[in-house]
Protein backbone atom coordinates (compact mmCIF):
# COMPACT_ATOMS: atom_id res chain seq x y z
CA MET A 1 40.77 60.93 -8.30
CA LYS A 2 39.80 57.59 -9.80
CA HIS A 3 36.57 55.85 -8.82
CA SER A 4 36.17 52.13 -9.06
CA ALA A 5 32.87 50.45 -9.73
CA SER A 6 32.74 49.33 -6.11
CA GLN A 7 32.90 52.96 -4.97
CA ALA A 8 29.98 54.05 -7.15
CA THR A 9 26.65 54.10 -5.37
CA LEU A 10 23.26 54.54 -6.89
CA THR A 11 20.79 56.73 -5.13
CA ALA A 12 17.56 55.08 -4.12
CA GLU A 13 14.32 57.01 -3.69
CA ARG A 14 11.04 56.27 -1.99
CA LEU A 15 8.52 56.23 -4.84
CA HIS A 16 4.74 56.54 -4.62
CA PHE A 17 2.56 55.34 -7.46
CA ARG A 18 -1.08 54.95 -8.39
CA ILE A 19 -1.22 51.95 -10.74
CA ASN A 20 -4.44 50.30 -11.93
CA GLY A 21 -6.33 52.14 -9.22
CA GLU A 22 -4.07 50.86 -6.41
CA SER A 23 -1.47 52.77 -4.39
CA TYR A 24 2.10 51.49 -4.26
CA GLU A 25 5.17 52.64 -2.35
CA ILE A 26 8.62 51.22 -3.02
CA VAL A 27 12.26 52.17 -2.58
CA ALA A 28 14.19 51.77 -5.82
CA PRO A 29 17.33 53.03 -7.54
CA VAL A 30 16.65 56.22 -9.49
CA ASN A 31 18.11 54.76 -12.67
CA LYS A 32 15.51 51.97 -12.95
CA THR A 33 12.93 52.50 -15.66
CA LEU A 34 9.21 52.39 -15.11
CA LEU A 35 9.20 49.13 -17.09
CA GLU A 36 11.66 47.57 -14.66
CA ILE A 37 9.72 48.81 -11.63
CA LEU A 38 6.46 47.40 -13.03
CA ARG A 39 7.86 43.99 -13.90
CA GLU A 40 10.60 43.38 -11.36
CA ASP A 41 9.49 45.22 -8.26
CA LEU A 42 5.69 45.22 -8.54
CA ARG A 43 5.38 41.89 -10.42
CA LEU A 44 3.05 43.42 -13.04
CA ALA A 45 4.54 41.30 -15.81
CA GLY A 46 1.92 42.05 -18.48
CA THR A 47 3.99 44.97 -19.73
CA LYS A 48 6.75 43.40 -21.83
CA HIS A 49 10.44 44.10 -22.38
CA GLY A 50 10.99 44.58 -26.09
CA CYS A 51 13.69 46.67 -27.67
CA GLU A 52 14.18 48.88 -24.58
CA LEU A 53 14.94 51.70 -27.03
CA GLY A 54 11.43 53.08 -27.48
CA GLU A 55 11.02 51.65 -30.97
CA CYS A 56 8.68 48.65 -30.64
CA GLY A 57 5.80 49.74 -28.37
CA THR A 58 5.77 46.46 -26.46
CA CYS A 59 6.14 48.27 -23.12
CA THR A 60 3.31 50.76 -23.68
CA VAL A 61 1.32 51.78 -20.61
CA LEU A 62 -1.10 54.66 -20.13
CA ILE A 63 -0.09 57.59 -17.96
CA ASP A 64 -3.02 59.89 -17.32
CA GLY A 65 -4.71 58.21 -20.29
CA GLU A 66 -1.86 58.81 -22.74
CA PRO A 67 0.23 55.98 -24.22
CA VAL A 68 3.82 56.10 -22.97
CA LEU A 69 6.77 53.79 -23.56
CA SER A 70 7.65 52.64 -20.06
CA CYS A 71 11.19 51.66 -21.09
CA LEU A 72 11.98 55.36 -21.60
CA VAL A 73 10.41 56.74 -18.41
CA LEU A 74 12.07 57.10 -15.04
CA PRO A 75 9.59 56.33 -12.27
CA ILE A 76 10.42 59.49 -10.37
CA GLU A 77 8.94 61.43 -13.32
CA VAL A 78 5.50 59.84 -13.04
CA GLN A 79 4.81 59.99 -9.33
CA GLY A 80 1.39 61.49 -8.73
CA HIS A 81 0.12 60.40 -12.14
CA GLU A 82 -2.40 57.64 -12.85
CA ILE A 83 -0.69 54.66 -14.49
CA LEU A 84 -2.67 51.94 -16.24
CA THR A 85 -1.13 48.65 -17.33
CA VAL A 86 -2.72 45.79 -19.21
CA GLU A 87 -3.53 44.15 -15.86
CA GLY A 88 -5.85 47.07 -15.14
CA LEU A 89 -7.92 46.81 -18.33
CA ALA A 90 -10.41 44.22 -17.11
CA GLU A 91 -13.23 45.27 -14.83
CA GLY A 92 -13.39 42.57 -12.20
CA ASP A 93 -13.72 39.23 -13.97
CA ARG A 94 -14.90 40.85 -17.22
CA PRO A 95 -12.17 41.46 -19.81
CA HIS A 96 -12.18 44.80 -21.62
CA GLU A 97 -13.90 44.76 -25.02
CA LEU A 98 -10.50 45.19 -26.66
CA GLN A 99 -9.20 42.06 -24.93
CA ILE A 100 -12.27 40.12 -26.06
CA ALA A 101 -11.98 41.35 -29.65
CA PHE A 102 -8.24 40.59 -29.80
CA ALA A 103 -8.89 37.03 -28.62
CA GLU A 104 -11.91 36.40 -30.85
CA LEU A 105 -10.33 37.79 -34.02
CA GLY A 106 -6.86 36.28 -33.69
CA ALA A 107 -5.16 39.61 -33.10
CA ALA A 108 -3.07 38.09 -30.31
CA GLN A 109 -0.97 35.49 -32.07
CA CYS A 110 2.17 34.95 -29.99
CA GLY A 111 0.87 37.60 -27.59
CA TYR A 112 4.13 39.40 -26.97
CA CYS A 113 3.11 42.71 -28.55
CA THR A 114 -0.49 42.41 -27.40
CA PRO A 115 -0.26 44.34 -24.10
CA GLY A 116 1.24 47.36 -25.85
CA MET A 117 -1.27 47.12 -28.69
CA LEU A 118 -4.14 46.92 -26.22
CA MET A 119 -2.96 49.93 -24.26
CA SER A 120 -2.44 52.09 -27.36
CA SER A 121 -5.83 50.97 -28.69
CA LYS A 122 -7.52 51.84 -25.41
CA ALA A 123 -6.04 55.33 -25.47
CA LEU A 124 -7.28 55.77 -29.04
CA LEU A 125 -10.83 54.59 -28.31
CA ASP A 126 -10.98 56.70 -25.13
CA SER A 127 -10.17 59.82 -27.14
CA ASN A 128 -11.90 58.93 -30.43
CA SER A 129 -14.98 56.68 -30.41
CA GLN A 130 -15.15 56.64 -34.21
CA PRO A 131 -11.62 56.21 -35.52
CA ASN A 132 -11.30 55.55 -39.21
CA THR A 133 -8.79 53.14 -40.69
CA GLU A 134 -6.04 55.70 -41.13
CA GLU A 135 -6.47 57.02 -37.59
CA ILE A 136 -6.17 53.53 -36.15
CA LYS A 137 -3.11 52.76 -38.27
CA GLU A 138 -1.50 56.05 -37.28
CA TYR A 139 -2.22 55.54 -33.58
CA LEU A 140 -0.74 52.03 -33.64
CA ALA A 141 2.23 52.93 -35.83
CA GLY A 142 4.62 52.78 -32.87
CA ASN A 143 3.55 49.24 -31.94
CA LEU A 144 5.30 46.52 -33.88
CA CYS A 145 3.95 43.02 -34.40
CA ARG A 146 5.84 40.18 -36.06
CA CYS A 147 2.99 37.66 -36.24
CA THR A 148 -0.37 38.97 -37.40
CA GLY A 149 0.29 41.15 -40.41
CA TYR A 150 -1.85 43.77 -38.59
CA LEU A 151 -5.19 43.06 -40.30
CA GLN A 152 -6.54 41.11 -37.31
CA ILE A 153 -5.38 43.90 -34.98
CA LEU A 154 -7.18 46.54 -37.04
CA GLU A 155 -10.30 44.37 -37.15
CA ALA A 156 -10.18 43.89 -33.38
CA VAL A 157 -9.88 47.61 -32.65
CA ASP A 158 -12.82 48.29 -34.97
CA ALA A 159 -14.91 45.52 -33.38
CA ALA A 160 -14.17 46.81 -29.88
CA ALA A 161 -15.04 50.36 -30.94
CA LYS A 162 -18.42 49.14 -32.20
CA LYS A 163 -19.12 47.35 -28.90
CA LEU A 164 -17.91 50.22 -26.74
CA HIS A 165 -19.70 52.85 -28.81
CA PRO A 166 -22.68 51.13 -30.49
CA ASN A 167 -24.18 54.42 -31.72
CA ARG A 168 -21.13 55.43 -33.72
CA GLN A 169 -21.47 56.18 -37.40
CA SER A 170 -20.80 53.37 -39.84
CA GLY A 171 -18.39 53.50 -42.74
CA ASN A 172 -15.17 53.14 -40.78
CA GLY A 173 -15.20 49.38 -40.66
CA VAL A 174 -13.33 46.33 -41.69
CA ASP A 175 -14.60 46.39 -45.28
CA ILE A 176 -12.49 49.51 -45.85
CA TRP A 177 -9.46 47.75 -44.34
CA LYS A 178 -9.95 44.68 -46.49
CA SER A 179 -10.10 46.77 -49.67
CA SER A 180 -7.12 48.92 -48.66
CA ALA A 181 -5.20 45.79 -47.61
CA ARG A 182 -5.65 44.35 -51.12
CA GLU A 183 -4.45 47.61 -52.68
CA THR A 184 -1.21 47.74 -50.67
């Protein structure tokens, strides 16, 4: 039996989410990605469409504190989990220290990759208050940027780490990045 496109129906599900501390309930086709639900249905447009293949990191959000590529996740898989998008970083009117550092140090040039970079950086600093240069580079390896050359991004993550964790040990800072940047 042949099926035409008009005969094909997509199943829709009632989905329940906890995003940026708020509860959401929507009905959506099961084949929509979390990225599409966030941007199109919930109007949380901070998370960006990039490659939609899981290669650029532009769509990174945190699920239970872990960075996840929302273009590769079906929403039905993350019901009951805490989802954090870039819109949820600020506390009230106060931007997160990462957002401040990215703005002050020029780490957000065109800004397209910035939400994904911020979310990956937050996950790193939440799990490691004293990341060294290599740890930061490794953690951000899945986030591509075409504008900054990465030095400003590395500097911003380090600056935010110092503000968020002022008692951390020194020796992991920008001076190391500047010397390693000259060597590469």
